[in-house]
Every structure is written in C-alpha cells, then in structure tokens.
Amino acid sequence: MAEIPKIALLIRTTRAYGRGLLRGIANYLQSKGPWSIYYDGHVLRNGLPPWTRRWKADGIIGWLESPRLVREIARGPYQGAAGVW
C-alpha cells in the first residue's frame, strides 16, 4: 500500500483568497484521496517554521510572502512545492 503524502499548508486565511485556496484543496482531497495535512496560517516572512523539517513533509502548498521563503523551499527536500508570492 502506498504511503499517504504529507503536505504542509502554509496559507493565511485573513483574506478571501487564502480561504478560497483551502476550499479548493479540500475539494481536491474529497475526490482524489487522502493526504496527511498540517496547516499553519501564520504570516511567513522569516523563513519556514521549524516544524516543517521535523515533520518531513513531502510537499508544501503556501502563500509565500518573500523571495527568501521561495528559495528556502526550493532548496529543501520536498518532492513538490506550489505557492503564491
């Protein structure tokens, strides 16, 4: 049996856009199968939260607020990453 992907959601929900992203992800999960999700809605300006390395996420979907954060994710061990900057 295949392992369930571990996906970190780094999306602020203070705006309608972020809430819409989460709704779209929820709809996708209902039709395409399970993911293990860890959600963090804090503003990310100072790099990735420490838990992302400990949790060993397979991928990240995020509202990325700085070029530094984009570079940090790109250097990481993630199989996939998608974001809005």
PDB file of N, CA and C in Angstrom:
ATOM      1  N   MET A   1       0.847  -1.187   0.000  1.00  0.00           N
ATOM      2  CA  MET A   1       0.000   0.000   0.000  1.00  0.00           C
ATOM      3  C   MET A   1       0.889   1.245   0.000  1.00  0.00           C
ATOM      4  N   ALA A   2       0.565   2.206  -0.845  1.00  0.00           N
ATOM      5  CA  ALA A   2       1.333   3.439  -0.944  1.00  0.00           C
ATOM      6  C   ALA A   2       1.157   4.280   0.313  1.00  0.00           C
ATOM      7  N   GLU A   3       2.218   4.992   0.658  1.00  0.00           N
ATOM      8  CA  GLU A   3       2.134   5.885   1.810  1.00  0.00           C
ATOM      9  C   GLU A   3       1.291   7.109   1.472  1.00  0.00           C
ATOM     10  N   ILE A   4       0.624   7.626   2.474  1.00  0.00           N
ATOM     11  CA  ILE A   4      -0.173   8.841   2.302  1.00  0.00           C
ATOM     12  C   ILE A   4       0.788  10.029   2.276  1.00  0.00           C
ATOM     13  N   PRO A   5       0.691  10.892   1.249  1.00  0.00           N
ATOM     14  CA  PRO A   5       1.575  12.059   1.171  1.00  0.00           C
ATOM     15  C   PRO A   5       1.353  13.016   2.344  1.00  0.00           C
ATOM     16  N   LYS A   6       2.435  13.571   2.842  1.00  0.00           N
ATOM     17  CA  LYS A   6       2.383  14.556   3.919  1.00  0.00           C
ATOM     18  C   LYS A   6       2.581  15.932   3.300  1.00  0.00           C
ATOM     19  N   ILE A   7       1.545  16.758   3.377  1.00  0.00           N
ATOM     20  CA  ILE A   7       1.550  18.063   2.734  1.00  0.00           C
ATOM     21  C   ILE A   7       1.370  19.157   3.777  1.00  0.00           C
ATOM     22  N   ALA A   8       2.274  20.125   3.770  1.00  0.00           N
ATOM     23  CA  ALA A   8       2.175  21.284   4.655  1.00  0.00           C
ATOM     24  C   ALA A   8       1.416  22.386   3.920  1.00  0.00           C
ATOM     25  N   LEU A   9       0.404  22.932   4.564  1.00  0.00           N
ATOM     26  CA  LEU A   9      -0.364  24.048   4.016  1.00  0.00           C
ATOM     27  C   LEU A   9       0.026  25.301   4.777  1.00  0.00           C
ATOM     28  N   LEU A  10       0.720  26.206   4.109  1.00  0.00           N
ATOM     29  CA  LEU A  10       1.174  27.448   4.729  1.00  0.00           C
ATOM     30  C   LEU A  10       0.394  28.592   4.080  1.00  0.00           C
ATOM     31  N   ILE A  11      -0.849  28.720   4.490  1.00  0.00           N
ATOM     32  CA  ILE A  11      -1.772  29.641   3.822  1.00  0.00           C
ATOM     33  C   ILE A  11      -2.490  30.501   4.861  1.00  0.00           C
ATOM     34  N   ARG A  12      -2.357  31.809   4.714  1.00  0.00           N
ATOM     35  CA  ARG A  12      -3.103  32.727   5.586  1.00  0.00           C
ATOM     36  C   ARG A  12      -4.574  32.715   5.198  1.00  0.00           C
ATOM     37  N   THR A  13      -5.430  32.788   6.172  1.00  0.00           N
ATOM     38  CA  THR A  13      -6.867  32.814   5.895  1.00  0.00           C
ATOM     39  C   THR A  13      -7.495  34.156   6.248  1.00  0.00           C
ATOM     40  N   THR A  14      -6.669  35.180   6.404  1.00  0.00           N
ATOM     41  CA  THR A  14      -7.198  36.501   6.744  1.00  0.00           C
ATOM     42  C   THR A  14      -7.850  37.180   5.551  1.00  0.00           C
ATOM     43  N   ARG A  15      -7.609  36.649   4.356  1.00  0.00           N
ATOM     44  CA  ARG A  15      -8.216  37.208   3.144  1.00  0.00           C
ATOM     45  C   ARG A  15      -8.999  36.124   2.417  1.00  0.00           C
ATOM     46  N   ALA A  16      -9.921  36.566   1.606  1.00  0.00           N
ATOM     47  CA  ALA A  16     -10.769  35.626   0.873  1.00  0.00           C
ATOM     48  C   ALA A  16      -9.942  34.707  -0.025  1.00  0.00           C
ATOM     49  N   TYR A  17      -8.862  35.220  -0.588  1.00  0.00           N
ATOM     50  CA  TYR A  17      -8.046  34.404  -1.488  1.00  0.00           C
ATOM     51  C   TYR A  17      -7.510  33.165  -0.766  1.00  0.00           C
ATOM     52  N   GLY A  18      -6.973  33.331   0.430  1.00  0.00           N
ATOM     53  CA  GLY A  18      -6.438  32.209   1.190  1.00  0.00           C
ATOM     54  C   GLY A  18      -7.528  31.212   1.568  1.00  0.00           C
ATOM     55  N   ARG A  19      -8.676  31.708   1.963  1.00  0.00           N
ATOM     56  CA  ARG A  19      -9.785  30.818   2.294  1.00  0.00           C
ATOM     57  C   ARG A  19     -10.232  30.043   1.059  1.00  0.00           C
ATOM     58  N   GLY A  20     -10.216  30.703  -0.104  1.00  0.00           N
ATOM     59  CA  GLY A  20     -10.568  30.026  -1.351  1.00  0.00           C
ATOM     60  C   GLY A  20      -9.573  28.928  -1.698  1.00  0.00           C
ATOM     61  N   LEU A  21      -8.281  29.185  -1.462  1.00  0.00           N
ATOM     62  CA  LEU A  21      -7.273  28.144  -1.689  1.00  0.00           C
ATOM     63  C   LEU A  21      -7.561  26.913  -0.844  1.00  0.00           C
ATOM     64  N   LEU A  22      -7.860  27.136   0.422  1.00  0.00           N
ATOM     65  CA  LEU A  22      -8.142  25.999   1.310  1.00  0.00           C
ATOM     66  C   LEU A  22      -9.392  25.247   0.872  1.00  0.00           C
ATOM     67  N   ARG A  23     -10.418  25.962   0.429  1.00  0.00           N
ATOM     68  CA  ARG A  23     -11.622  25.283  -0.073  1.00  0.00           C
ATOM     69  C   ARG A  23     -11.292  24.433  -1.298  1.00  0.00           C
ATOM     70  N   GLY A  24     -10.485  24.967  -2.198  1.00  0.00           N
ATOM     71  CA  GLY A  24     -10.094  24.215  -3.389  1.00  0.00           C
ATOM     72  C   GLY A  24      -9.300  22.969  -3.044  1.00  0.00           C
ATOM     73  N   ILE A  25      -8.413  23.087  -2.079  1.00  0.00           N
ATOM     74  CA  ILE A  25      -7.632  21.920  -1.639  1.00  0.00           C
ATOM     75  C   ILE A  25      -8.555  20.878  -1.017  1.00  0.00           C
ATOM     76  N   ALA A  26      -9.506  21.329  -0.202  1.00  0.00           N
ATOM     77  CA  ALA A  26     -10.457  20.395   0.417  1.00  0.00           C
ATOM     78  C   ALA A  26     -11.275  19.671  -0.649  1.00  0.00           C
ATOM     79  N   ASN A  27     -11.717  20.395  -1.668  1.00  0.00           N
ATOM     80  CA  ASN A  27     -12.472  19.764  -2.761  1.00  0.00           C
ATOM     81  C   ASN A  27     -11.619  18.735  -3.487  1.00  0.00           C
ATOM     82  N   TYR A  28     -10.378  19.063  -3.739  1.00  0.00           N
ATOM     83  CA  TYR A  28      -9.472  18.136  -4.411  1.00  0.00           C
ATOM     84  C   TYR A  28      -9.302  16.854  -3.586  1.00  0.00           C
ATOM     85  N   LEU A  29      -9.105  17.024  -2.294  1.00  0.00           N
ATOM     86  CA  LEU A  29      -8.892  15.857  -1.422  1.00  0.00           C
ATOM     87  C   LEU A  29     -10.108  14.947  -1.380  1.00  0.00           C
ATOM     88  N   GLN A  30     -11.302  15.515  -1.450  1.00  0.00           N
ATOM     89  CA  GLN A  30     -12.514  14.698  -1.436  1.00  0.00           C
ATOM     90  C   GLN A  30     -12.600  13.804  -2.656  1.00  0.00           C
ATOM     91  N   SER A  31     -12.050  14.256  -3.770  1.00  0.00           N
ATOM     92  CA  SER A  31     -12.163  13.463  -4.996  1.00  0.00           C
ATOM     93  C   SER A  31     -10.923  12.634  -5.316  1.00  0.00           C
ATOM     94  N   LYS A  32      -9.760  13.022  -4.815  1.00  0.00           N
ATOM     95  CA  LYS A  32      -8.513  12.370  -5.229  1.00  0.00           C
ATOM     96  C   LYS A  32      -7.842  11.527  -4.154  1.00  0.00           C
ATOM     97  N   GLY A  33      -8.377  11.506  -2.974  1.00  0.00           N
ATOM     98  CA  GLY A  33      -7.791  10.621  -1.979  1.00  0.00           C
ATOM     99  C   GLY A  33      -7.097  11.342  -0.844  1.00  0.00           C
ATOM    100  N   PRO A  34      -6.614  10.568   0.108  1.00  0.00           N
ATOM    101  CA  PRO A  34      -6.136  11.152   1.362  1.00  0.00           C
ATOM    102  C   PRO A  34      -4.730  11.752   1.262  1.00  0.00           C
ATOM    103  N   TRP A  35      -4.557  12.832   1.989  1.00  0.00           N
ATOM    104  CA  TRP A  35      -3.256  13.407   2.290  1.00  0.00           C
ATOM    105  C   TRP A  35      -3.209  13.556   3.805  1.00  0.00           C
ATOM    106  N   SER A  36      -2.049  13.519   4.356  1.00  0.00           N
ATOM    107  CA  SER A  36      -1.853  13.920   5.740  1.00  0.00           C
ATOM    108  C   SER A  36      -1.514  15.405   5.691  1.00  0.00           C
ATOM    109  N   ILE A  37      -2.324  16.214   6.328  1.00  0.00           N
ATOM    110  CA  ILE A  37      -2.213  17.665   6.224  1.00  0.00           C
ATOM    111  C   ILE A  37      -1.759  18.255   7.547  1.00  0.00           C
ATOM    112  N   TYR A  38      -0.848  19.228   7.450  1.00  0.00           N
ATOM    113  CA  TYR A  38      -0.501  20.064   8.597  1.00  0.00           C
ATOM    114  C   TYR A  38      -0.735  21.495   8.143  1.00  0.00           C
ATOM    115  N   TYR A  39      -1.590  22.205   8.838  1.00  0.00           N
ATOM    116  CA  TYR A  39      -1.961  23.567   8.456  1.00  0.00           C
ATOM    117  C   TYR A  39      -1.323  24.572   9.400  1.00  0.00           C
ATOM    118  N   ASP A  40      -0.750  25.623   8.816  1.00  0.00           N
ATOM    119  CA  ASP A  40      -0.222  26.745   9.593  1.00  0.00           C
ATOM    120  C   ASP A  40      -0.634  28.014   8.873  1.00  0.00           C
ATOM    121  N   GLY A  41      -1.427  28.829   9.516  1.00  0.00           N
ATOM    122  CA  GLY A  41      -1.943  30.037   8.883  1.00  0.00           C
ATOM    123  C   GLY A  41      -1.213  31.300   9.270  1.00  0.00           C
ATOM    124  N   HIS A  42      -0.047  31.180   9.885  1.00  0.00           N
ATOM    125  CA  HIS A  42       0.704  32.375  10.280  1.00  0.00           C
ATOM    126  C   HIS A  42       1.358  33.042   9.071  1.00  0.00           C
ATOM    127  N   VAL A  43       1.609  34.320   9.202  1.00  0.00           N
ATOM    128  CA  VAL A  43       2.323  35.049   8.163  1.00  0.00           C
ATOM    129  C   VAL A  43       3.764  34.570   8.164  1.00  0.00           C
ATOM    130  N   LEU A  44       4.258  34.223   6.983  1.00  0.00           N
ATOM    131  CA  LEU A  44       5.601  33.658   6.868  1.00  0.00           C
ATOM    132  C   LEU A  44       6.535  34.666   6.217  1.00  0.00           C
ATOM    133  N   ARG A  45       7.256  35.382   7.035  1.00  0.00           N
ATOM    134  CA  ARG A  45       8.219  36.341   6.490  1.00  0.00           C
ATOM    135  C   ARG A  45       9.642  35.997   6.902  1.00  0.00           C
ATOM    136  N   ASN A  46       9.803  35.193   7.912  1.00  0.00           N
ATOM    137  CA  ASN A  46      11.131  34.920   8.456  1.00  0.00           C
ATOM    138  C   ASN A  46      11.595  33.500   8.184  1.00  0.00           C
ATOM    139  N   GLY A  47      11.172  32.918   7.112  1.00  0.00           N
ATOM    140  CA  GLY A  47      11.583  31.556   6.784  1.00  0.00           C
ATOM    141  C   GLY A  47      10.545  30.526   7.196  1.00  0.00           C
ATOM    142  N   LEU A  48      10.843  29.302   6.838  1.00  0.00           N
ATOM    143  CA  LEU A  48       9.933  28.194   7.153  1.00  0.00           C
ATOM    144  C   LEU A  48       9.857  27.955   8.650  1.00  0.00           C
ATOM    145  N   PRO A  49       8.682  27.607   9.149  1.00  0.00           N
ATOM    146  CA  PRO A  49       8.578  27.243  10.559  1.00  0.00           C
ATOM    147  C   PRO A  49       9.416  25.991  10.835  1.00  0.00           C
ATOM    148  N   PRO A  50      10.008  25.883  12.016  1.00  0.00           N
ATOM    149  CA  PRO A  50      10.862  24.730  12.344  1.00  0.00           C
ATOM    150  C   PRO A  50      10.155  23.380  12.206  1.00  0.00           C
ATOM    151  N   TRP A  51       8.851  23.338  12.432  1.00  0.00           N
ATOM    152  CA  TRP A  51       8.143  22.049  12.383  1.00  0.00           C
ATOM    153  C   TRP A  51       8.172  21.431  10.990  1.00  0.00           C
ATOM    154  N   THR A  52       8.374  22.247   9.927  1.00  0.00           N
ATOM    155  CA  THR A  52       8.358  21.681   8.575  1.00  0.00           C
ATOM    156  C   THR A  52       9.497  20.688   8.372  1.00  0.00           C
ATOM    157  N   ARG A  53      10.622  20.914   8.986  1.00  0.00           N
ATOM    158  CA  ARG A  53      11.747  19.976   8.858  1.00  0.00           C
ATOM    159  C   ARG A  53      11.541  18.732   9.732  1.00  0.00           C
ATOM    160  N   ARG A  54      11.041  18.937  10.938  1.00  0.00           N
ATOM    161  CA  ARG A  54      10.809  17.794  11.843  1.00  0.00           C
ATOM    162  C   ARG A  54       9.722  16.879  11.305  1.00  0.00           C
ATOM    163  N   TRP A  55       8.695  17.448  10.723  1.00  0.00           N
ATOM    164  CA  TRP A  55       7.552  16.670  10.238  1.00  0.00           C
ATOM    165  C   TRP A  55       7.882  15.951   8.941  1.00  0.00           C
ATOM    166  N   LYS A  56       8.880  16.411   8.225  1.00  0.00           N
ATOM    167  CA  LYS A  56       9.338  15.796   6.976  1.00  0.00           C
ATOM    168  C   LYS A  56       8.218  15.721   5.933  1.00  0.00           C
ATOM    169  N   ALA A  57       7.704  16.896   5.621  1.00  0.00           N
ATOM    170  CA  ALA A  57       6.637  16.988   4.620  1.00  0.00           C
ATOM    171  C   ALA A  57       7.150  16.556   3.253  1.00  0.00           C
ATOM    172  N   ASP A  58       6.273  15.942   2.481  1.00  0.00           N
ATOM    173  CA  ASP A  58       6.596  15.592   1.102  1.00  0.00           C
ATOM    174  C   ASP A  58       6.454  16.800   0.178  1.00  0.00           C
ATOM    175  N   GLY A  59       5.578  17.709   0.536  1.00  0.00           N
ATOM    176  CA  GLY A  59       5.339  18.877  -0.298  1.00  0.00           C
ATOM    177  C   GLY A  59       4.759  20.012   0.512  1.00  0.00           C
ATOM    178  N   ILE A  60       4.769  21.187  -0.100  1.00  0.00           N
ATOM    179  CA  ILE A  60       4.257  22.392   0.550  1.00  0.00           C
ATOM    180  C   ILE A  60       3.370  23.135  -0.442  1.00  0.00           C
ATOM    181  N   ILE A  61       2.215  23.573   0.040  1.00  0.00           N
ATOM    182  CA  ILE A  61       1.372  24.498  -0.700  1.00  0.00           C
ATOM    183  C   ILE A  61       1.281  25.732   0.179  1.00  0.00           C
ATOM    184  N   GLY A  62       1.637  26.891  -0.370  1.00  0.00           N
ATOM    185  CA  GLY A  62       1.671  28.040   0.511  1.00  0.00           C
ATOM    186  C   GLY A  62       1.425  29.377  -0.142  1.00  0.00           C
ATOM    187  N   TRP A  63       1.118  30.321   0.718  1.00  0.00           N
ATOM    188  CA  TRP A  63       1.045  31.729   0.372  1.00  0.00           C
ATOM    189  C   TRP A  63       2.395  32.269   0.799  1.00  0.00           C
ATOM    190  N   LEU A  64       3.314  32.341  -0.130  1.00  0.00           N
ATOM    191  CA  LEU A  64       4.708  32.652   0.175  1.00  0.00           C
ATOM    192  C   LEU A  64       4.919  34.157   0.063  1.00  0.00           C
ATOM    193  N   GLU A  65       5.403  34.752   1.148  1.00  0.00           N
ATOM    194  CA  GLU A  65       5.422  36.210   1.230  1.00  0.00           C
ATOM    195  C   GLU A  65       6.782  36.840   0.986  1.00  0.00           C
ATOM    196  N   SER A  66       7.757  36.064   0.600  1.00  0.00           N
ATOM    197  CA  SER A  66       9.057  36.661   0.336  1.00  0.00           C
ATOM    198  C   SER A  66       9.869  35.775  -0.605  1.00  0.00           C
ATOM    199  N   PRO A  67      10.752  36.400  -1.387  1.00  0.00           N
ATOM    200  CA  PRO A  67      11.627  35.610  -2.239  1.00  0.00           C
ATOM    201  C   PRO A  67      12.522  34.675  -1.423  1.00  0.00           C
ATOM    202  N   ARG A  68      12.889  35.108  -0.228  1.00  0.00           N
ATOM    203  CA  ARG A  68      13.721  34.279   0.652  1.00  0.00           C
ATOM    204  C   ARG A  68      13.019  32.957   0.968  1.00  0.00           C
ATOM    205  N   LEU A  69      11.753  33.035   1.266  1.00  0.00           N
ATOM    206  CA  LEU A  69      10.979  31.840   1.583  1.00  0.00           C
ATOM    207  C   LEU A  69      10.880  30.914   0.376  1.00  0.00           C
ATOM    208  N   VAL A  70      10.688  31.486  -0.794  1.00  0.00           N
ATOM    209  CA  VAL A  70      10.629  30.686  -2.017  1.00  0.00           C
ATOM    210  C   VAL A  70      11.949  29.941  -2.213  1.00  0.00           C
ATOM    211  N   ARG A  71      13.073  30.632  -2.020  1.00  0.00           N
ATOM    212  CA  ARG A  71      14.396  29.985  -2.172  1.00  0.00           C
ATOM    213  C   ARG A  71      14.603  28.892  -1.130  1.00  0.00           C
ATOM    214  N   GLU A  72      14.187  29.144   0.099  1.00  0.00           N
ATOM    215  CA  GLU A  72      14.348  28.145   1.160  1.00  0.00           C
ATOM    216  C   GLU A  72      13.575  26.868   0.837  1.00  0.00           C
ATOM    217  N   ILE A  73      12.375  27.014   0.330  1.00  0.00           N
ATOM    218  CA  ILE A  73      11.576  25.845  -0.045  1.00  0.00           C
ATOM    219  C   ILE A  73      12.217  25.129  -1.229  1.00  0.00           C
ATOM    220  N   ALA A  74      12.695  25.893  -2.196  1.00  0.00           N
ATOM    221  CA  ALA A  74      13.309  25.289  -3.383  1.00  0.00           C
ATOM    222  C   ALA A  74      14.553  24.477  -3.013  1.00  0.00           C
ATOM    223  N   ARG A  75      15.274  24.876  -1.991  1.00  0.00           N
ATOM    224  CA  ARG A  75      16.471  24.137  -1.555  1.00  0.00           C
ATOM    225  C   ARG A  75      16.137  22.930  -0.688  1.00  0.00           C
ATOM    226  N   GLY A  76      14.907  22.840  -0.228  1.00  0.00           N
ATOM    227  CA  GLY A  76      14.518  21.781   0.706  1.00  0.00           C
ATOM    228  C   GLY A  76      14.363  20.432   0.029  1.00  0.00           C
ATOM    229  N   PRO A  77      14.044  19.449   0.846  1.00  0.00           N
ATOM    230  CA  PRO A  77      13.937  18.083   0.348  1.00  0.00           C
ATOM    231  C   PRO A  77      12.560  17.719  -0.194  1.00  0.00           C
ATOM    232  N   TYR A  78      11.744  18.704  -0.500  1.00  0.00           N
ATOM    233  CA  TYR A  78      10.350  18.446  -0.836  1.00  0.00           C
ATOM    234  C   TYR A  78      10.211  17.900  -2.247  1.00  0.00           C
ATOM    235  N   GLN A  79       9.290  16.973  -2.422  1.00  0.00           N
ATOM    236  CA  GLN A  79       9.027  16.416  -3.744  1.00  0.00           C
ATOM    237  C   GLN A  79       8.268  17.405  -4.612  1.00  0.00           C
ATOM    238  N   GLY A  80       7.582  18.319  -3.997  1.00  0.00           N
ATOM    239  CA  GLY A  80       6.836  19.316  -4.755  1.00  0.00           C
ATOM    240  C   GLY A  80       6.488  20.492  -3.881  1.00  0.00           C
ATOM    241  N   ALA A  81       6.403  21.654  -4.501  1.00  0.00           N
ATOM    242  CA  ALA A  81       6.004  22.853  -3.793  1.00  0.00           C
ATOM    243  C   ALA A  81       5.272  23.759  -4.766  1.00  0.00           C
ATOM    244  N   ALA A  82       4.245  24.405  -4.260  1.00  0.00           N
ATOM    245  CA  ALA A  82       3.493  25.363  -5.060  1.00  0.00           C
ATOM    246  C   ALA A  82       3.147  26.536  -4.168  1.00  0.00           C
ATOM    247  N   GLY A  83       3.170  27.707  -4.736  1.00  0.00           N
ATOM    248  CA  GLY A  83       2.856  28.846  -3.883  1.00  0.00           C
ATOM    249  C   GLY A  83       2.504  30.082  -4.671  1.00  0.00           C
ATOM    250  N   VAL A  84       2.022  31.043  -3.934  1.00  0.00           N
ATOM    251  CA  VAL A  84       1.684  32.349  -4.472  1.00  0.00           C
ATOM    252  C   VAL A  84       2.601  33.339  -3.771  1.00  0.00           C
ATOM    253  N   TRP A  85       3.257  34.163  -4.555  1.00  0.00           N
ATOM    254  CA  TRP A  85       4.101  35.179  -3.945  1.00  0.00           C
ATOM    255  C   TRP A  85       3.733  36.515  -4.464  1.00  0.00           C
TER     256      TRP A  85
END
